Amino acid sequence: MDELGARERGILAMERRGFSGPGAKERAVREQLGLAPVRYYQLLNALLDDPRALAHDPVTVNRLRRVRDSRRSER
């Protein structure tokens, strides 16, 4: 099984951080990863279904999966 690339590891690292204030996370995504926020969230969503991501950071991936599932059930 291949390991995650630098961009994927960066996305998971970004999700482990806490952000203060509105727009702080979006600014960090643009500055540190060079991604538009919409693209970031697209990649993050795909990453949550990637077994490599689960192996790399099971705590973060499982937390984000629970949040995603909760939001889907509210719709």
PDB file of N, CA and C in Angstrom:
ATOM      1  N   MET A   1       0.844  -1.178   0.000  1.00  0.00           N
ATOM      2  CA  MET A   1       0.000   0.000   0.000  1.00  0.00           C
ATOM      3  C   MET A   1       0.891   1.244   0.000  1.00  0.00           C
ATOM      4  N   ASP A   2       0.601   2.183  -0.864  1.00  0.00           N
ATOM      5  CA  ASP A   2       1.372   3.414  -0.942  1.00  0.00           C
ATOM      6  C   ASP A   2       1.066   4.307   0.250  1.00  0.00           C
ATOM      7  N   GLU A   3       2.017   5.164   0.562  1.00  0.00           N
ATOM      8  CA  GLU A   3       1.812   6.136   1.622  1.00  0.00           C
ATOM      9  C   GLU A   3       1.146   7.376   1.052  1.00  0.00           C
ATOM     10  N   LEU A   4       0.611   8.196   1.934  1.00  0.00           N
ATOM     11  CA  LEU A   4      -0.005   9.446   1.518  1.00  0.00           C
ATOM     12  C   LEU A   4       1.055  10.412   1.019  1.00  0.00           C
ATOM     13  N   GLY A   5       0.660  11.241   0.074  1.00  0.00           N
ATOM     14  CA  GLY A   5       1.557  12.268  -0.424  1.00  0.00           C
ATOM     15  C   GLY A   5       1.628  13.446   0.539  1.00  0.00           C
ATOM     16  N   ALA A   6       2.508  14.367   0.244  1.00  0.00           N
ATOM     17  CA  ALA A   6       2.699  15.533   1.109  1.00  0.00           C
ATOM     18  C   ALA A   6       1.423  16.363   1.222  1.00  0.00           C
ATOM     19  N   ARG A   7       0.701  16.530   0.114  1.00  0.00           N
ATOM     20  CA  ARG A   7      -0.528  17.327   0.147  1.00  0.00           C
ATOM     21  C   ARG A   7      -1.569  16.670   1.046  1.00  0.00           C
ATOM     22  N   GLU A   8      -1.725  15.364   0.931  1.00  0.00           N
ATOM     23  CA  GLU A   8      -2.701  14.659   1.756  1.00  0.00           C
ATOM     24  C   GLU A   8      -2.330  14.716   3.231  1.00  0.00           C
ATOM     25  N   ARG A   9      -1.039  14.551   3.531  1.00  0.00           N
ATOM     26  CA  ARG A   9      -0.597  14.661   4.924  1.00  0.00           C
ATOM     27  C   ARG A   9      -0.814  16.077   5.448  1.00  0.00           C
ATOM     28  N   GLY A  10      -0.606  17.067   4.591  1.00  0.00           N
ATOM     29  CA  GLY A  10      -0.835  18.464   4.975  1.00  0.00           C
ATOM     30  C   GLY A  10      -2.292  18.747   5.279  1.00  0.00           C
ATOM     31  N   ILE A  11      -3.187  18.156   4.507  1.00  0.00           N
ATOM     32  CA  ILE A  11      -4.618  18.332   4.743  1.00  0.00           C
ATOM     33  C   ILE A  11      -5.007  17.738   6.095  1.00  0.00           C
ATOM     34  N   LEU A  12      -4.527  16.545   6.395  1.00  0.00           N
ATOM     35  CA  LEU A  12      -4.833  15.935   7.689  1.00  0.00           C
ATOM     36  C   LEU A  12      -4.224  16.738   8.840  1.00  0.00           C
ATOM     37  N   ALA A  13      -3.031  17.251   8.641  1.00  0.00           N
ATOM     38  CA  ALA A  13      -2.399  18.080   9.674  1.00  0.00           C
ATOM     39  C   ALA A  13      -3.210  19.351   9.914  1.00  0.00           C
ATOM     40  N   MET A  14      -3.739  19.926   8.856  1.00  0.00           N
ATOM     41  CA  MET A  14      -4.561  21.130   8.971  1.00  0.00           C
ATOM     42  C   MET A  14      -5.808  20.835   9.792  1.00  0.00           C
ATOM     43  N   GLU A  15      -6.374  19.669   9.615  1.00  0.00           N
ATOM     44  CA  GLU A  15      -7.581  19.299  10.357  1.00  0.00           C
ATOM     45  C   GLU A  15      -7.309  19.025  11.831  1.00  0.00           C
ATOM     46  N   ARG A  16      -6.076  18.740  12.184  1.00  0.00           N
ATOM     47  CA  ARG A  16      -5.733  18.526  13.594  1.00  0.00           C
ATOM     48  C   ARG A  16      -5.571  19.833  14.348  1.00  0.00           C
ATOM     49  N   ARG A  17      -5.360  20.916  13.623  1.00  0.00           N
ATOM     50  CA  ARG A  17      -5.123  22.218  14.260  1.00  0.00           C
ATOM     51  C   ARG A  17      -6.419  22.872  14.701  1.00  0.00           C
ATOM     52  N   GLY A  18      -6.291  23.773  15.651  1.00  0.00           N
ATOM     53  CA  GLY A  18      -7.413  24.620  16.040  1.00  0.00           C
ATOM     54  C   GLY A  18      -7.223  26.001  15.436  1.00  0.00           C
ATOM     55  N   PHE A  19      -8.296  26.649  15.098  1.00  0.00           N
ATOM     56  CA  PHE A  19      -8.218  27.966  14.481  1.00  0.00           C
ATOM     57  C   PHE A  19      -9.072  28.943  15.265  1.00  0.00           C
ATOM     58  N   SER A  20      -8.541  30.136  15.447  1.00  0.00           N
ATOM     59  CA  SER A  20      -9.295  31.162  16.161  1.00  0.00           C
ATOM     60  C   SER A  20      -9.772  32.217  15.170  1.00  0.00           C
ATOM     61  N   GLY A  21     -11.016  32.563  15.294  1.00  0.00           N
ATOM     62  CA  GLY A  21     -11.551  33.640  14.470  1.00  0.00           C
ATOM     63  C   GLY A  21     -12.063  33.174  13.133  1.00  0.00           C
ATOM     64  N   PRO A  22     -13.019  33.916  12.602  1.00  0.00           N
ATOM     65  CA  PRO A  22     -13.590  33.577  11.299  1.00  0.00           C
ATOM     66  C   PRO A  22     -12.573  33.775  10.173  1.00  0.00           C
ATOM     67  N   GLY A  23     -12.533  32.818   9.293  1.00  0.00           N
ATOM     68  CA  GLY A  23     -11.659  32.925   8.118  1.00  0.00           C
ATOM     69  C   GLY A  23     -10.223  32.496   8.357  1.00  0.00           C
ATOM     70  N   ALA A  24      -9.857  32.181   9.592  1.00  0.00           N
ATOM     71  CA  ALA A  24      -8.462  31.821   9.877  1.00  0.00           C
ATOM     72  C   ALA A  24      -8.069  30.533   9.168  1.00  0.00           C
ATOM     73  N   LYS A  25      -8.955  29.536   9.188  1.00  0.00           N
ATOM     74  CA  LYS A  25      -8.644  28.261   8.547  1.00  0.00           C
ATOM     75  C   LYS A  25      -8.523  28.431   7.039  1.00  0.00           C
ATOM     76  N   GLU A  26      -9.452  29.184   6.445  1.00  0.00           N
ATOM     77  CA  GLU A  26      -9.411  29.393   4.996  1.00  0.00           C
ATOM     78  C   GLU A  26      -8.121  30.101   4.583  1.00  0.00           C
ATOM     79  N   ARG A  27      -7.690  31.088   5.393  1.00  0.00           N
ATOM     80  CA  ARG A  27      -6.425  31.774   5.102  1.00  0.00           C
ATOM     81  C   ARG A  27      -5.263  30.795   5.181  1.00  0.00           C
ATOM     82  N   ALA A  28      -5.252  29.972   6.213  1.00  0.00           N
ATOM     83  CA  ALA A  28      -4.167  28.991   6.377  1.00  0.00           C
ATOM     84  C   ALA A  28      -4.150  27.999   5.222  1.00  0.00           C
ATOM     85  N   VAL A  29      -5.321  27.575   4.772  1.00  0.00           N
ATOM     86  CA  VAL A  29      -5.401  26.644   3.637  1.00  0.00           C
ATOM     87  C   VAL A  29      -4.776  27.273   2.403  1.00  0.00           C
ATOM     88  N   ARG A  30      -5.112  28.517   2.142  1.00  0.00           N
ATOM     89  CA  ARG A  30      -4.549  29.205   0.963  1.00  0.00           C
ATOM     90  C   ARG A  30      -3.034  29.401   1.092  1.00  0.00           C
ATOM     91  N   GLU A  31      -2.606  29.878   2.256  1.00  0.00           N
ATOM     92  CA  GLU A  31      -1.195  30.221   2.436  1.00  0.00           C
ATOM     93  C   GLU A  31      -0.296  28.993   2.564  1.00  0.00           C
ATOM     94  N   GLN A  32      -0.729  28.002   3.326  1.00  0.00           N
ATOM     95  CA  GLN A  32       0.153  26.874   3.610  1.00  0.00           C
ATOM     96  C   GLN A  32       0.037  25.742   2.600  1.00  0.00           C
ATOM     97  N   LEU A  33      -1.160  25.544   2.061  1.00  0.00           N
ATOM     98  CA  LEU A  33      -1.348  24.436   1.118  1.00  0.00           C
ATOM     99  C   LEU A  33      -1.501  24.912  -0.322  1.00  0.00           C
ATOM    100  N   GLY A  34      -1.735  26.195  -0.509  1.00  0.00           N
ATOM    101  CA  GLY A  34      -1.889  26.730  -1.857  1.00  0.00           C
ATOM    102  C   GLY A  34      -3.157  26.254  -2.549  1.00  0.00           C
ATOM    103  N   LEU A  35      -4.200  26.009  -1.748  1.00  0.00           N
ATOM    104  CA  LEU A  35      -5.462  25.510  -2.298  1.00  0.00           C
ATOM    105  C   LEU A  35      -6.591  26.483  -2.005  1.00  0.00           C
ATOM    106  N   ALA A  36      -7.535  26.561  -2.921  1.00  0.00           N
ATOM    107  CA  ALA A  36      -8.767  27.286  -2.647  1.00  0.00           C
ATOM    108  C   ALA A  36      -9.559  26.466  -1.632  1.00  0.00           C
ATOM    109  N   PRO A  37     -10.265  27.119  -0.723  1.00  0.00           N
ATOM    110  CA  PRO A  37     -11.025  26.367   0.289  1.00  0.00           C
ATOM    111  C   PRO A  37     -11.977  25.324  -0.296  1.00  0.00           C
ATOM    112  N   VAL A  38     -12.633  25.633  -1.397  1.00  0.00           N
ATOM    113  CA  VAL A  38     -13.558  24.659  -1.996  1.00  0.00           C
ATOM    114  C   VAL A  38     -12.802  23.404  -2.415  1.00  0.00           C
ATOM    115  N   ARG A  39     -11.665  23.570  -3.049  1.00  0.00           N
ATOM    116  CA  ARG A  39     -10.859  22.428  -3.480  1.00  0.00           C
ATOM    117  C   ARG A  39     -10.333  21.652  -2.269  1.00  0.00           C
ATOM    118  N   TYR A  40      -9.937  22.373  -1.231  1.00  0.00           N
ATOM    119  CA  TYR A  40      -9.472  21.743   0.004  1.00  0.00           C
ATOM    120  C   TYR A  40     -10.531  20.804   0.564  1.00  0.00           C
ATOM    121  N   TYR A  41     -11.766  21.283   0.656  1.00  0.00           N
ATOM    122  CA  TYR A  41     -12.824  20.451   1.222  1.00  0.00           C
ATOM    123  C   TYR A  41     -13.190  19.281   0.308  1.00  0.00           C
ATOM    124  N   GLN A  42     -13.050  19.457  -1.005  1.00  0.00           N
ATOM    125  CA  GLN A  42     -13.263  18.340  -1.926  1.00  0.00           C
ATOM    126  C   GLN A  42     -12.216  17.252  -1.683  1.00  0.00           C
ATOM    127  N   LEU A  43     -10.971  17.668  -1.573  1.00  0.00           N
ATOM    128  CA  LEU A  43      -9.888  16.713  -1.343  1.00  0.00           C
ATOM    129  C   LEU A  43     -10.021  16.057   0.033  1.00  0.00           C
ATOM    130  N   LEU A  44     -10.401  16.842   1.032  1.00  0.00           N
ATOM    131  CA  LEU A  44     -10.583  16.293   2.374  1.00  0.00           C
ATOM    132  C   LEU A  44     -11.671  15.226   2.376  1.00  0.00           C
ATOM    133  N   ASN A  45     -12.779  15.505   1.730  1.00  0.00           N
ATOM    134  CA  ASN A  45     -13.880  14.545   1.695  1.00  0.00           C
ATOM    135  C   ASN A  45     -13.437  13.235   1.038  1.00  0.00           C
ATOM    136  N   ALA A  46     -12.704  13.318  -0.050  1.00  0.00           N
ATOM    137  CA  ALA A  46     -12.203  12.106  -0.707  1.00  0.00           C
ATOM    138  C   ALA A  46     -11.198  11.387   0.194  1.00  0.00           C
ATOM    139  N   LEU A  47     -10.401  12.146   0.911  1.00  0.00           N
ATOM    140  CA  LEU A  47      -9.386  11.577   1.784  1.00  0.00           C
ATOM    141  C   LEU A  47     -10.006  10.770   2.921  1.00  0.00           C
ATOM    142  N   LEU A  48     -11.178  11.168   3.373  1.00  0.00           N
ATOM    143  CA  LEU A  48     -11.832  10.459   4.469  1.00  0.00           C
ATOM    144  C   LEU A  48     -12.224   9.033   4.085  1.00  0.00           C
ATOM    145  N   ASP A  49     -12.327   8.767   2.785  1.00  0.00           N
ATOM    146  CA  ASP A  49     -12.666   7.426   2.309  1.00  0.00           C
ATOM    147  C   ASP A  49     -11.436   6.630   1.877  1.00  0.00           C
ATOM    148  N   ASP A  50     -10.258   7.210   2.064  1.00  0.00           N
ATOM    149  CA  ASP A  50      -9.011   6.583   1.637  1.00  0.00           C
ATOM    150  C   ASP A  50      -8.428   5.770   2.800  1.00  0.00           C
ATOM    151  N   PRO A  51      -8.255   4.457   2.630  1.00  0.00           N
ATOM    152  CA  PRO A  51      -7.703   3.636   3.721  1.00  0.00           C
ATOM    153  C   PRO A  51      -6.302   4.070   4.151  1.00  0.00           C
ATOM    154  N   ARG A  52      -5.552   4.687   3.246  1.00  0.00           N
ATOM    155  CA  ARG A  52      -4.218   5.172   3.619  1.00  0.00           C
ATOM    156  C   ARG A  52      -4.316   6.293   4.650  1.00  0.00           C
ATOM    157  N   ALA A  53      -5.339   7.145   4.493  1.00  0.00           N
ATOM    158  CA  ALA A  53      -5.535   8.237   5.449  1.00  0.00           C
ATOM    159  C   ALA A  53      -5.906   7.684   6.815  1.00  0.00           C
ATOM    160  N   LEU A  54      -6.756   6.669   6.829  1.00  0.00           N
ATOM    161  CA  LEU A  54      -7.151   6.046   8.088  1.00  0.00           C
ATOM    162  C   LEU A  54      -5.942   5.422   8.780  1.00  0.00           C
ATOM    163  N   ALA A  55      -5.078   4.784   8.016  1.00  0.00           N
ATOM    164  CA  ALA A  55      -3.870   4.185   8.588  1.00  0.00           C
ATOM    165  C   ALA A  55      -2.908   5.254   9.104  1.00  0.00           C
ATOM    166  N   HIS A  56      -2.840   6.386   8.414  1.00  0.00           N
ATOM    167  CA  HIS A  56      -1.916   7.468   8.777  1.00  0.00           C
ATOM    168  C   HIS A  56      -2.362   8.210  10.035  1.00  0.00           C
ATOM    169  N   ASP A  57      -3.661   8.509  10.132  1.00  0.00           N
ATOM    170  CA  ASP A  57      -4.167   9.312  11.248  1.00  0.00           C
ATOM    171  C   ASP A  57      -5.585   8.875  11.607  1.00  0.00           C
ATOM    172  N   PRO A  58      -5.711   7.714  12.268  1.00  0.00           N
ATOM    173  CA  PRO A  58      -7.042   7.173  12.535  1.00  0.00           C
ATOM    174  C   PRO A  58      -7.914   8.061  13.423  1.00  0.00           C
ATOM    175  N   VAL A  59      -7.331   8.767  14.371  1.00  0.00           N
ATOM    176  CA  VAL A  59      -8.121   9.605  15.267  1.00  0.00           C
ATOM    177  C   VAL A  59      -8.793  10.736  14.489  1.00  0.00           C
ATOM    178  N   THR A  60      -8.024  11.441  13.688  1.00  0.00           N
ATOM    179  CA  THR A  60      -8.567  12.563  12.917  1.00  0.00           C
ATOM    180  C   THR A  60      -9.564  12.078  11.881  1.00  0.00           C
ATOM    181  N   VAL A  61      -9.231  11.036  11.150  1.00  0.00           N
ATOM    182  CA  VAL A  61     -10.122  10.540  10.096  1.00  0.00           C
ATOM    183  C   VAL A  61     -11.439  10.051  10.690  1.00  0.00           C
ATOM    184  N   ASN A  62     -11.379   9.306  11.776  1.00  0.00           N
ATOM    185  CA  ASN A  62     -12.618   8.816  12.382  1.00  0.00           C
ATOM    186  C   ASN A  62     -13.466   9.956  12.939  1.00  0.00           C
ATOM    187  N   ARG A  63     -12.827  10.969  13.528  1.00  0.00           N
ATOM    188  CA  ARG A  63     -13.570  12.135  14.024  1.00  0.00           C
ATOM    189  C   ARG A  63     -14.279  12.855  12.872  1.00  0.00           C
ATOM    190  N   LEU A  64     -13.558  13.058  11.791  1.00  0.00           N
ATOM    191  CA  LEU A  64     -14.143  13.761  10.643  1.00  0.00           C
ATOM    192  C   LEU A  64     -15.230  12.933   9.964  1.00  0.00           C
ATOM    193  N   ARG A  65     -15.068  11.630   9.940  1.00  0.00           N
ATOM    194  CA  ARG A  65     -16.125  10.764   9.384  1.00  0.00           C
ATOM    195  C   ARG A  65     -17.400  10.878  10.210  1.00  0.00           C
ATOM    196  N   ARG A  66     -17.256  10.917  11.550  1.00  0.00           N
ATOM    197  CA  ARG A  66     -18.436  11.071  12.406  1.00  0.00           C
ATOM    198  C   ARG A  66     -19.138  12.398  12.150  1.00  0.00           C
ATOM    199  N   VAL A  67     -18.367  13.459  12.011  1.00  0.00           N
ATOM    200  CA  VAL A  67     -18.947  14.778  11.717  1.00  0.00           C
ATOM    201  C   VAL A  67     -19.665  14.747  10.379  1.00  0.00           C
ATOM    202  N   ARG A  68     -19.027  14.183   9.373  1.00  0.00           N
ATOM    203  CA  ARG A  68     -19.630  14.102   8.037  1.00  0.00           C
ATOM    204  C   ARG A  68     -20.918  13.287   8.070  1.00  0.00           C
ATOM    205  N   ASP A  69     -20.887  12.145   8.747  1.00  0.00           N
ATOM    206  CA  ASP A  69     -22.079  11.301   8.823  1.00  0.00           C
ATOM    207  C   ASP A  69     -23.207  12.002   9.570  1.00  0.00           C
ATOM    208  N   SER A  70     -22.862  12.724  10.612  1.00  0.00           N
ATOM    209  CA  SER A  70     -23.860  13.464  11.384  1.00  0.00           C
ATOM    210  C   SER A  70     -24.534  14.530  10.523  1.00  0.00           C
ATOM    211  N   ARG A  71     -23.732  15.229   9.749  1.00  0.00           N
ATOM    212  CA  ARG A  71     -24.285  16.287   8.878  1.00  0.00           C
ATOM    213  C   ARG A  71     -25.150  15.695   7.768  1.00  0.00           C
ATOM    214  N   ARG A  72     -24.745  14.555   7.259  1.00  0.00           N
ATOM    215  CA  ARG A  72     -25.544  13.904   6.218  1.00  0.00           C
ATOM    216  C   ARG A  72     -26.888  13.447   6.758  1.00  0.00           C
ATOM    217  N   SER A  73     -26.906  12.972   7.991  1.00  0.00           N
ATOM    218  CA  SER A  73     -28.180  12.488   8.558  1.00  0.00           C
ATOM    219  C   SER A  73     -29.122  13.638   8.925  1.00  0.00           C
ATOM    220  N   GLU A  74     -28.577  14.842   9.099  1.00  0.00           N
ATOM    221  CA  GLU A  74     -29.417  15.997   9.393  1.00  0.00           C
ATOM    222  C   GLU A  74     -30.157  16.491   8.164  1.00  0.00           C
ATOM    223  N   ARG A  75     -29.687  16.145   7.005  1.00  0.00           N
ATOM    224  CA  ARG A  75     -30.294  16.649   5.759  1.00  0.00           C
ATOM    225  C   ARG A  75     -31.579  15.934   5.445  1.00  0.00           C
TER     226      ARG A  75
END
